[in-house]
PDB file of N, CA and C in Angstrom:
ATOM      1  N   MET A   1     -47.261 -24.512  -3.174  1.00  0.00           N
ATOM      2  CA  MET A   1     -47.999 -24.117  -1.999  1.00  0.00           C
ATOM      3  C   MET A   1     -49.379 -24.751  -2.072  1.00  0.00           C
ATOM      4  N   LYS A   2     -49.869 -25.144  -0.930  1.00  0.00           N
ATOM      5  CA  LYS A   2     -51.171 -25.787  -0.862  1.00  0.00           C
ATOM      6  C   LYS A   2     -52.244 -24.739  -0.572  1.00  0.00           C
ATOM      7  N   GLY A   3     -53.252 -24.674  -1.431  1.00  0.00           N
ATOM      8  CA  GLY A   3     -54.356 -23.741  -1.247  1.00  0.00           C
ATOM      9  C   GLY A   3     -55.347 -24.260  -0.230  1.00  0.00           C
ATOM     10  N   LYS A   4     -55.777 -23.385   0.674  1.00  0.00           N
ATOM     11  CA  LYS A   4     -56.735 -23.746   1.716  1.00  0.00           C
ATOM     12  C   LYS A   4     -57.721 -22.602   1.889  1.00  0.00           C
ATOM     13  N   GLU A   5     -58.706 -22.813   2.749  1.00  0.00           N
ATOM     14  CA  GLU A   5     -59.683 -21.757   3.000  1.00  0.00           C
ATOM     15  C   GLU A   5     -60.104 -21.742   4.461  1.00  0.00           C
ATOM     16  N   LEU A   6     -60.485 -20.546   4.896  1.00  0.00           N
ATOM     17  CA  LEU A   6     -61.049 -20.336   6.226  1.00  0.00           C
ATOM     18  C   LEU A   6     -62.470 -19.844   6.021  1.00  0.00           C
ATOM     19  N   LYS A   7     -63.426 -20.607   6.504  1.00  0.00           N
ATOM     20  CA  LYS A   7     -64.831 -20.212   6.367  1.00  0.00           C
ATOM     21  C   LYS A   7     -65.222 -19.385   7.582  1.00  0.00           C
ATOM     22  N   THR A   8     -65.728 -18.185   7.311  1.00  0.00           N
ATOM     23  CA  THR A   8     -66.179 -17.291   8.379  1.00  0.00           C
ATOM     24  C   THR A   8     -67.629 -16.906   8.098  1.00  0.00           C
ATOM     25  N   GLY A   9     -68.249 -16.250   9.043  1.00  0.00           N
ATOM     26  CA  GLY A   9     -69.605 -15.752   8.846  1.00  0.00           C
ATOM     27  C   GLY A   9     -69.673 -14.602   7.862  1.00  0.00           C
ATOM     28  N   ARG A  10     -68.530 -14.041   7.510  1.00  0.00           N
ATOM     29  CA  ARG A  10     -68.469 -12.907   6.582  1.00  0.00           C
ATOM     30  C   ARG A  10     -68.122 -13.329   5.163  1.00  0.00           C
ATOM     31  N   GLY A  11     -67.586 -14.530   5.020  1.00  0.00           N
ATOM     32  CA  GLY A  11     -67.181 -15.039   3.717  1.00  0.00           C
ATOM     33  C   GLY A  11     -66.040 -16.027   3.865  1.00  0.00           C
ATOM     34  N   ILE A  12     -65.585 -16.551   2.759  1.00  0.00           N
ATOM     35  CA  ILE A  12     -64.454 -17.483   2.763  1.00  0.00           C
ATOM     36  C   ILE A  12     -63.181 -16.707   2.475  1.00  0.00           C
ATOM     37  N   VAL A  13     -62.172 -16.933   3.305  1.00  0.00           N
ATOM     38  CA  VAL A  13     -60.868 -16.306   3.129  1.00  0.00           C
ATOM     39  C   VAL A  13     -59.912 -17.393   2.647  1.00  0.00           C
ATOM     40  N   TYR A  14     -59.284 -17.142   1.502  1.00  0.00           N
ATOM     41  CA  TYR A  14     -58.390 -18.123   0.906  1.00  0.00           C
ATOM     42  C   TYR A  14     -56.942 -17.812   1.268  1.00  0.00           C
ATOM     43  N   TYR A  15     -56.194 -18.908   1.516  1.00  0.00           N
ATOM     44  CA  TYR A  15     -54.779 -18.748   1.822  1.00  0.00           C
ATOM     45  C   TYR A  15     -54.003 -19.942   1.284  1.00  0.00           C
ATOM     46  N   TRP A  16     -52.677 -19.792   1.248  1.00  0.00           N
ATOM     47  CA  TRP A  16     -51.785 -20.810   0.719  1.00  0.00           C
ATOM     48  C   TRP A  16     -50.667 -21.016   1.719  1.00  0.00           C
ATOM     49  N   ILE A  17     -50.294 -22.280   1.908  1.00  0.00           N
ATOM     50  CA  ILE A  17     -49.263 -22.595   2.902  1.00  0.00           C
ATOM     51  C   ILE A  17     -48.253 -23.569   2.311  1.00  0.00           C
ATOM     52  N   ASP A  18     -47.018 -23.343   2.665  1.00  0.00           N
ATOM     53  CA  ASP A  18     -45.942 -24.278   2.368  1.00  0.00           C
ATOM     54  C   ASP A  18     -45.297 -24.579   3.718  1.00  0.00           C
ATOM     55  N   ARG A  19     -45.677 -25.719   4.278  1.00  0.00           N
ATOM     56  CA  ARG A  19     -45.218 -26.085   5.620  1.00  0.00           C
ATOM     57  C   ARG A  19     -43.815 -26.691   5.530  1.00  0.00           C
ATOM     58  N   HIS A  20     -42.916 -26.168   6.357  1.00  0.00           N
ATOM     59  CA  HIS A  20     -41.553 -26.682   6.412  1.00  0.00           C
ATOM     60  C   HIS A  20     -41.573 -28.065   7.050  1.00  0.00           C
ATOM     61  N   GLU A  21     -40.660 -28.923   6.628  1.00  0.00           N
ATOM     62  CA  GLU A  21     -40.605 -30.294   7.154  1.00  0.00           C
ATOM     63  C   GLU A  21     -40.265 -30.342   8.639  1.00  0.00           C
ATOM     64  N   ASN A  22     -39.579 -29.321   9.135  1.00  0.00           N
ATOM     65  CA  ASN A  22     -39.257 -29.244  10.564  1.00  0.00           C
ATOM     66  C   ASN A  22     -40.440 -28.600  11.291  1.00  0.00           C
ATOM     67  N   PRO A  23     -41.131 -29.345  12.163  1.00  0.00           N
ATOM     68  CA  PRO A  23     -42.293 -28.768  12.854  1.00  0.00           C
ATOM     69  C   PRO A  23     -41.937 -27.607  13.785  1.00  0.00           C
ATOM     70  N   GLN A  24     -40.670 -27.434  14.095  1.00  0.00           N
ATOM     71  CA  GLN A  24     -40.233 -26.324  14.945  1.00  0.00           C
ATOM     72  C   GLN A  24     -39.865 -25.082  14.138  1.00  0.00           C
ATOM     73  N   ALA A  25     -39.960 -25.162  12.825  1.00  0.00           N
ATOM     74  CA  ALA A  25     -39.611 -24.013  11.974  1.00  0.00           C
ATOM     75  C   ALA A  25     -40.555 -22.849  12.250  1.00  0.00           C
ATOM     76  N   LYS A  26     -40.021 -21.660  12.256  1.00  0.00           N
ATOM     77  CA  LYS A  26     -40.841 -20.460  12.426  1.00  0.00           C
ATOM     78  C   LYS A  26     -41.683 -20.233  11.182  1.00  0.00           C
ATOM     79  N   CYS A  27     -42.716 -19.416  11.352  1.00  0.00           N
ATOM     80  CA  CYS A  27     -43.664 -19.156  10.274  1.00  0.00           C
ATOM     81  C   CYS A  27     -43.591 -17.687   9.854  1.00  0.00           C
ATOM     82  N   ILE A  28     -43.610 -17.463   8.551  1.00  0.00           N
ATOM     83  CA  ILE A  28     -43.678 -16.112   7.998  1.00  0.00           C
ATOM     84  C   ILE A  28     -45.007 -15.984   7.265  1.00  0.00           C
ATOM     85  N   VAL A  29     -45.739 -14.896   7.546  1.00  0.00           N
ATOM     86  CA  VAL A  29     -47.001 -14.616   6.861  1.00  0.00           C
ATOM     87  C   VAL A  29     -46.812 -13.377   6.000  1.00  0.00           C
ATOM     88  N   PHE A  30     -47.139 -13.501   4.731  1.00  0.00           N
ATOM     89  CA  PHE A  30     -47.060 -12.375   3.796  1.00  0.00           C
ATOM     90  C   PHE A  30     -48.462 -11.813   3.584  1.00  0.00           C
ATOM     91  N   THR A  31     -48.609 -10.515   3.824  1.00  0.00           N
ATOM     92  CA  THR A  31     -49.888  -9.824   3.669  1.00  0.00           C
ATOM     93  C   THR A  31     -49.724  -8.691   2.660  1.00  0.00           C
ATOM     94  N   HIS A  32     -50.530  -8.726   1.624  1.00  0.00           N
ATOM     95  CA  HIS A  32     -50.442  -7.721   0.567  1.00  0.00           C
ATOM     96  C   HIS A  32     -51.215  -6.464   0.935  1.00  0.00           C
ATOM     97  N   GLY A  33     -51.002  -5.414   0.157  1.00  0.00           N
ATOM     98  CA  GLY A  33     -51.715  -4.163   0.332  1.00  0.00           C
ATOM     99  C   GLY A  33     -52.967  -4.092  -0.525  1.00  0.00           C
ATOM    100  N   LEU A  34     -53.583  -2.930  -0.556  1.00  0.00           N
ATOM    101  CA  LEU A  34     -54.806  -2.732  -1.321  1.00  0.00           C
ATOM    102  C   LEU A  34     -54.581  -2.983  -2.800  1.00  0.00           C
ATOM    103  N   THR A  35     -55.569  -3.541  -3.434  1.00  0.00           N
ATOM    104  CA  THR A  35     -55.654  -3.856  -4.868  1.00  0.00           C
ATOM    105  C   THR A  35     -54.709  -4.974  -5.320  1.00  0.00           C
ATOM    106  N   ALA A  36     -54.048  -5.648  -4.410  1.00  0.00           N
ATOM    107  CA  ALA A  36     -53.131  -6.735  -4.768  1.00  0.00           C
ATOM    108  C   ALA A  36     -53.716  -8.077  -4.319  1.00  0.00           C
ATOM    109  N   ASN A  37     -52.930  -9.138  -4.463  1.00  0.00           N
ATOM    110  CA  ASN A  37     -53.327 -10.442  -3.934  1.00  0.00           C
ATOM    111  C   ASN A  37     -52.075 -11.238  -3.577  1.00  0.00           C
ATOM    112  N   HIS A  38     -52.287 -12.472  -3.143  1.00  0.00           N
ATOM    113  CA  HIS A  38     -51.190 -13.295  -2.637  1.00  0.00           C
ATOM    114  C   HIS A  38     -50.091 -13.561  -3.663  1.00  0.00           C
ATOM    115  N   SER A  39     -50.402 -13.495  -4.937  1.00  0.00           N
ATOM    116  CA  SER A  39     -49.431 -13.888  -5.965  1.00  0.00           C
ATOM    117  C   SER A  39     -48.224 -12.958  -6.045  1.00  0.00           C
ATOM    118  N   MET A  40     -48.314 -11.787  -5.449  1.00  0.00           N
ATOM    119  CA  MET A  40     -47.190 -10.853  -5.521  1.00  0.00           C
ATOM    120  C   MET A  40     -45.968 -11.330  -4.727  1.00  0.00           C
ATOM    121  N   PHE A  41     -46.145 -12.397  -3.935  1.00  0.00           N
ATOM    122  CA  PHE A  41     -45.050 -12.885  -3.092  1.00  0.00           C
ATOM    123  C   PHE A  41     -44.410 -14.172  -3.609  1.00  0.00           C
ATOM    124  N   GLU A  42     -44.600 -14.499  -4.878  1.00  0.00           N
ATOM    125  CA  GLU A  42     -44.077 -15.764  -5.418  1.00  0.00           C
ATOM    126  C   GLU A  42     -42.563 -15.896  -5.227  1.00  0.00           C
ATOM    127  N   LYS A  43     -41.816 -14.880  -5.526  1.00  0.00           N
ATOM    128  CA  LYS A  43     -40.347 -14.940  -5.393  1.00  0.00           C
ATOM    129  C   LYS A  43     -39.924 -15.059  -3.934  1.00  0.00           C
ATOM    130  N   GLN A  44     -40.606 -14.324  -3.058  1.00  0.00           N
ATOM    131  CA  GLN A  44     -40.259 -14.366  -1.643  1.00  0.00           C
ATOM    132  C   GLN A  44     -40.547 -15.747  -1.043  1.00  0.00           C
ATOM    133  N   THR A  45     -41.700 -16.326  -1.400  1.00  0.00           N
ATOM    134  CA  THR A  45     -42.040 -17.627  -0.822  1.00  0.00           C
ATOM    135  C   THR A  45     -41.064 -18.708  -1.295  1.00  0.00           C
ATOM    136  N   GLU A  46     -40.630 -18.641  -2.540  1.00  0.00           N
ATOM    137  CA  GLU A  46     -39.647 -19.606  -3.035  1.00  0.00           C
ATOM    138  C   GLU A  46     -38.362 -19.549  -2.206  1.00  0.00           C
ATOM    139  N   TYR A  47     -37.956 -18.365  -1.847  1.00  0.00           N
ATOM    140  CA  TYR A  47     -36.727 -18.205  -1.066  1.00  0.00           C
ATOM    141  C   TYR A  47     -36.917 -18.641   0.388  1.00  0.00           C
ATOM    142  N   PHE A  48     -37.954 -18.143   1.049  1.00  0.00           N
ATOM    143  CA  PHE A  48     -38.108 -18.358   2.485  1.00  0.00           C
ATOM    144  C   PHE A  48     -38.598 -19.747   2.862  1.00  0.00           C
ATOM    145  N   LYS A  49     -39.218 -20.474   1.933  1.00  0.00           N
ATOM    146  CA  LYS A  49     -39.724 -21.803   2.287  1.00  0.00           C
ATOM    147  C   LYS A  49     -38.597 -22.793   2.576  1.00  0.00           C
ATOM    148  N   GLN A  50     -37.370 -22.422   2.230  1.00  0.00           N
ATOM    149  CA  GLN A  50     -36.228 -23.293   2.529  1.00  0.00           C
ATOM    150  C   GLN A  50     -35.990 -23.431   4.033  1.00  0.00           C
ATOM    151  N   LYS A  51     -36.350 -22.398   4.807  1.00  0.00           N
ATOM    152  CA  LYS A  51     -36.086 -22.410   6.254  1.00  0.00           C
ATOM    153  C   LYS A  51     -37.324 -22.201   7.110  1.00  0.00           C
ATOM    154  N   TYR A  52     -38.425 -21.762   6.511  1.00  0.00           N
ATOM    155  CA  TYR A  52     -39.599 -21.379   7.278  1.00  0.00           C
ATOM    156  C   TYR A  52     -40.867 -22.012   6.703  1.00  0.00           C
ATOM    157  N   THR A  53     -41.886 -22.107   7.530  1.00  0.00           N
ATOM    158  CA  THR A  53     -43.228 -22.333   7.020  1.00  0.00           C
ATOM    159  C   THR A  53     -43.706 -20.992   6.501  1.00  0.00           C
ATOM    160  N   VAL A  54     -44.302 -20.983   5.318  1.00  0.00           N
ATOM    161  CA  VAL A  54     -44.697 -19.731   4.670  1.00  0.00           C
ATOM    162  C   VAL A  54     -46.197 -19.757   4.388  1.00  0.00           C
ATOM    163  N   ILE A  55     -46.869 -18.658   4.750  1.00  0.00           N
ATOM    164  CA  ILE A  55     -48.295 -18.497   4.476  1.00  0.00           C
ATOM    165  C   ILE A  55     -48.492 -17.192   3.704  1.00  0.00           C
ATOM    166  N   THR A  56     -49.263 -17.264   2.635  1.00  0.00           N
ATOM    167  CA  THR A  56     -49.749 -16.070   1.952  1.00  0.00           C
ATOM    168  C   THR A  56     -51.265 -16.148   1.948  1.00  0.00           C
ATOM    169  N   TRP A  57     -51.920 -15.020   1.852  1.00  0.00           N
ATOM    170  CA  TRP A  57     -53.384 -15.051   1.844  1.00  0.00           C
ATOM    171  C   TRP A  57     -53.919 -13.923   1.007  1.00  0.00           C
ATOM    172  N   ASP A  58     -55.138 -14.108   0.547  1.00  0.00           N
ATOM    173  CA  ASP A  58     -55.856 -13.024  -0.106  1.00  0.00           C
ATOM    174  C   ASP A  58     -56.698 -12.348   0.967  1.00  0.00           C
ATOM    175  N   VAL A  59     -56.285 -11.153   1.334  1.00  0.00           N
ATOM    176  CA  VAL A  59     -57.020 -10.376   2.328  1.00  0.00           C
ATOM    177  C   VAL A  59     -58.482 -10.262   1.858  1.00  0.00           C
ATOM    178  N   PRO A  60     -59.454 -10.268   2.783  1.00  0.00           N
ATOM    179  CA  PRO A  60     -60.856 -10.159   2.386  1.00  0.00           C
ATOM    180  C   PRO A  60     -61.096  -9.024   1.380  1.00  0.00           C
ATOM    181  N   LEU A  61     -61.938  -9.303   0.402  1.00  0.00           N
ATOM    182  CA  LEU A  61     -62.295  -8.441  -0.728  1.00  0.00           C
ATOM    183  C   LEU A  61     -61.175  -8.292  -1.747  1.00  0.00           C
ATOM    184  N   HIS A  62     -60.175  -9.169  -1.703  1.00  0.00           N
ATOM    185  CA  HIS A  62     -59.073  -9.169  -2.659  1.00  0.00           C
ATOM    186  C   HIS A  62     -58.890 -10.583  -3.188  1.00  0.00           C
ATOM    187  N   GLY A  63     -58.417 -10.690  -4.425  1.00  0.00           N
ATOM    188  CA  GLY A  63     -58.152 -12.001  -4.997  1.00  0.00           C
ATOM    189  C   GLY A  63     -59.362 -12.913  -4.917  1.00  0.00           C
ATOM    190  N   ARG A  64     -59.166 -14.120  -4.421  1.00  0.00           N
ATOM    191  CA  ARG A  64     -60.262 -15.094  -4.314  1.00  0.00           C
ATOM    192  C   ARG A  64     -61.143 -14.867  -3.097  1.00  0.00           C
ATOM    193  N   SER A  65     -60.734 -14.040  -2.149  1.00  0.00           N
ATOM    194  CA  SER A  65     -61.472 -13.862  -0.885  1.00  0.00           C
ATOM    195  C   SER A  65     -62.643 -12.889  -1.031  1.00  0.00           C
ATOM    196  N   ARG A  66     -63.513 -13.211  -1.963  1.00  0.00           N
ATOM    197  CA  ARG A  66     -64.736 -12.455  -2.155  1.00  0.00           C
ATOM    198  C   ARG A  66     -65.794 -13.369  -2.733  1.00  0.00           C
ATOM    199  N   PRO A  67     -67.026 -13.146  -2.488  1.00  0.00           N
ATOM    200  CA  PRO A  67     -67.599 -12.011  -1.767  1.00  0.00           C
ATOM    201  C   PRO A  67     -67.277 -12.093  -0.274  1.00  0.00           C
ATOM    202  N   TYR A  68     -67.384 -10.959   0.376  1.00  0.00           N
ATOM    203  CA  TYR A  68     -67.080 -10.841   1.801  1.00  0.00           C
ATOM    204  C   TYR A  68     -67.884  -9.663   2.327  1.00  0.00           C
ATOM    205  N   SER A  69     -68.533  -9.831   3.455  1.00  0.00           N
ATOM    206  CA  SER A  69     -69.347  -8.744   4.016  1.00  0.00           C
ATOM    207  C   SER A  69     -68.707  -8.196   5.290  1.00  0.00           C
ATOM    208  N   ASP A  70     -69.023  -6.950   5.579  1.00  0.00           N
ATOM    209  CA  ASP A  70     -68.564  -6.280   6.798  1.00  0.00           C
ATOM    210  C   ASP A  70     -67.041  -6.204   6.879  1.00  0.00           C
ATOM    211  N   PHE A  71     -66.416  -5.682   5.816  1.00  0.00           N
ATOM    212  CA  PHE A  71     -64.967  -5.530   5.811  1.00  0.00           C
ATOM    213  C   PHE A  71     -64.548  -4.461   6.802  1.00  0.00           C
ATOM    214  N   THR A  72     -63.691  -4.835   7.719  1.00  0.00           N
ATOM    215  CA  THR A  72     -62.979  -3.899   8.591  1.00  0.00           C
ATOM    216  C   THR A  72     -61.583  -4.478   8.807  1.00  0.00           C
ATOM    217  N   TYR A  73     -60.647  -3.640   9.180  1.00  0.00           N
ATOM    218  CA  TYR A  73     -59.309  -4.158   9.468  1.00  0.00           C
ATOM    219  C   TYR A  73     -59.340  -5.055  10.690  1.00  0.00           C
ATOM    220  N   LYS A  74     -60.235  -4.775  11.609  1.00  0.00           N
ATOM    221  CA  LYS A  74     -60.381  -5.632  12.785  1.00  0.00           C
ATOM    222  C   LYS A  74     -60.826  -7.034  12.364  1.00  0.00           C
ATOM    223  N   ASN A  75     -61.803  -7.115  11.459  1.00  0.00           N
ATOM    224  CA  ASN A  75     -62.243  -8.418  10.980  1.00  0.00           C
ATOM    225  C   ASN A  75     -61.135  -9.130  10.214  1.00  0.00           C
ATOM    226  N   CYS A  76     -60.331  -8.385   9.469  1.00  0.00           N
ATOM    227  CA  CYS A  76     -59.190  -8.994   8.779  1.00  0.00           C
ATOM    228  C   CYS A  76     -58.216  -9.597   9.791  1.00  0.00           C
ATOM    229  N   ALA A  77     -57.975  -8.890  10.881  1.00  0.00           N
ATOM    230  CA  ALA A  77     -57.081  -9.408  11.915  1.00  0.00           C
ATOM    231  C   ALA A  77     -57.653 -10.684  12.530  1.00  0.00           C
ATOM    232  N   TYR A  78     -58.971 -10.702  12.780  1.00  0.00           N
ATOM    233  CA  TYR A  78     -59.602 -11.919  13.297  1.00  0.00           C
ATOM    234  C   TYR A  78     -59.477 -13.069  12.304  1.00  0.00           C
ATOM    235  N   ASP A  79     -59.628 -12.768  11.025  1.00  0.00           N
ATOM    236  CA  ASP A  79     -59.512 -13.815  10.012  1.00  0.00           C
ATOM    237  C   ASP A  79     -58.086 -14.357   9.941  1.00  0.00           C
ATOM    238  N   LEU A  80     -57.108 -13.481  10.011  1.00  0.00           N
ATOM    239  CA  LEU A  80     -55.724 -13.935  10.005  1.00  0.00           C
ATOM    240  C   LEU A  80     -55.444 -14.784  11.245  1.00  0.00           C
ATOM    241  N   LEU A  81     -55.949 -14.377  12.383  1.00  0.00           N
ATOM    242  CA  LEU A  81     -55.807 -15.188  13.598  1.00  0.00           C
ATOM    243  C   LEU A  81     -56.454 -16.548  13.400  1.00  0.00           C
ATOM    244  N   GLY A  82     -57.605 -16.578  12.749  1.00  0.00           N
ATOM    245  CA  GLY A  82     -58.268 -17.849  12.467  1.00  0.00           C
ATOM    246  C   GLY A  82     -57.415 -18.753  11.587  1.00  0.00           C
ATOM    247  N   ILE A  83     -56.738 -18.186  10.605  1.00  0.00           N
ATOM    248  CA  ILE A  83     -55.844 -18.970   9.747  1.00  0.00           C
ATOM    249  C   ILE A  83     -54.707 -19.546  10.580  1.00  0.00           C
ATOM    250  N   LEU A  84     -54.109 -18.723  11.411  1.00  0.00           N
ATOM    251  CA  LEU A  84     -52.989 -19.178  12.239  1.00  0.00           C
ATOM    252  C   LEU A  84     -53.439 -20.271  13.208  1.00  0.00           C
ATOM    253  N   GLU A  85     -54.618 -20.113  13.786  1.00  0.00           N
ATOM    254  CA  GLU A  85     -55.126 -21.153  14.698  1.00  0.00           C
ATOM    255  C   GLU A  85     -55.444 -22.433  13.938  1.00  0.00           C
ATOM    256  N   GLN A  86     -55.950 -22.304  12.737  1.00  0.00           N
ATOM    257  CA  GLN A  86     -56.275 -23.477  11.930  1.00  0.00           C
ATOM    258  C   GLN A  86     -55.020 -24.258  11.544  1.00  0.00           C
ATOM    259  N   GLU A  87     -53.937 -23.552  11.360  1.00  0.00           N
ATOM    260  CA  GLU A  87     -52.680 -24.199  10.961  1.00  0.00           C
ATOM    261  C   GLU A  87     -51.801 -24.544  12.139  1.00  0.00           C
TER     262      GLU A  87
END
């Protein structure tokens, strides 16, 4: 998976993508819960990347996505939207 980042005014949000060779392939995004990070989906991404583009990310204030200011779930949703628009 290729590591990338989304720079926001609140901090940098890190994510990883494995783009399927078919540009029409659907995309699956894996989002972890509290106290976890993107690495918990290693087995799932290995399986699903055969048919889909796969994205995992470190939700703000988790994993590499820190420091980060003004954490809210709304801001997390905006950041995820930013990742999807960037890709």
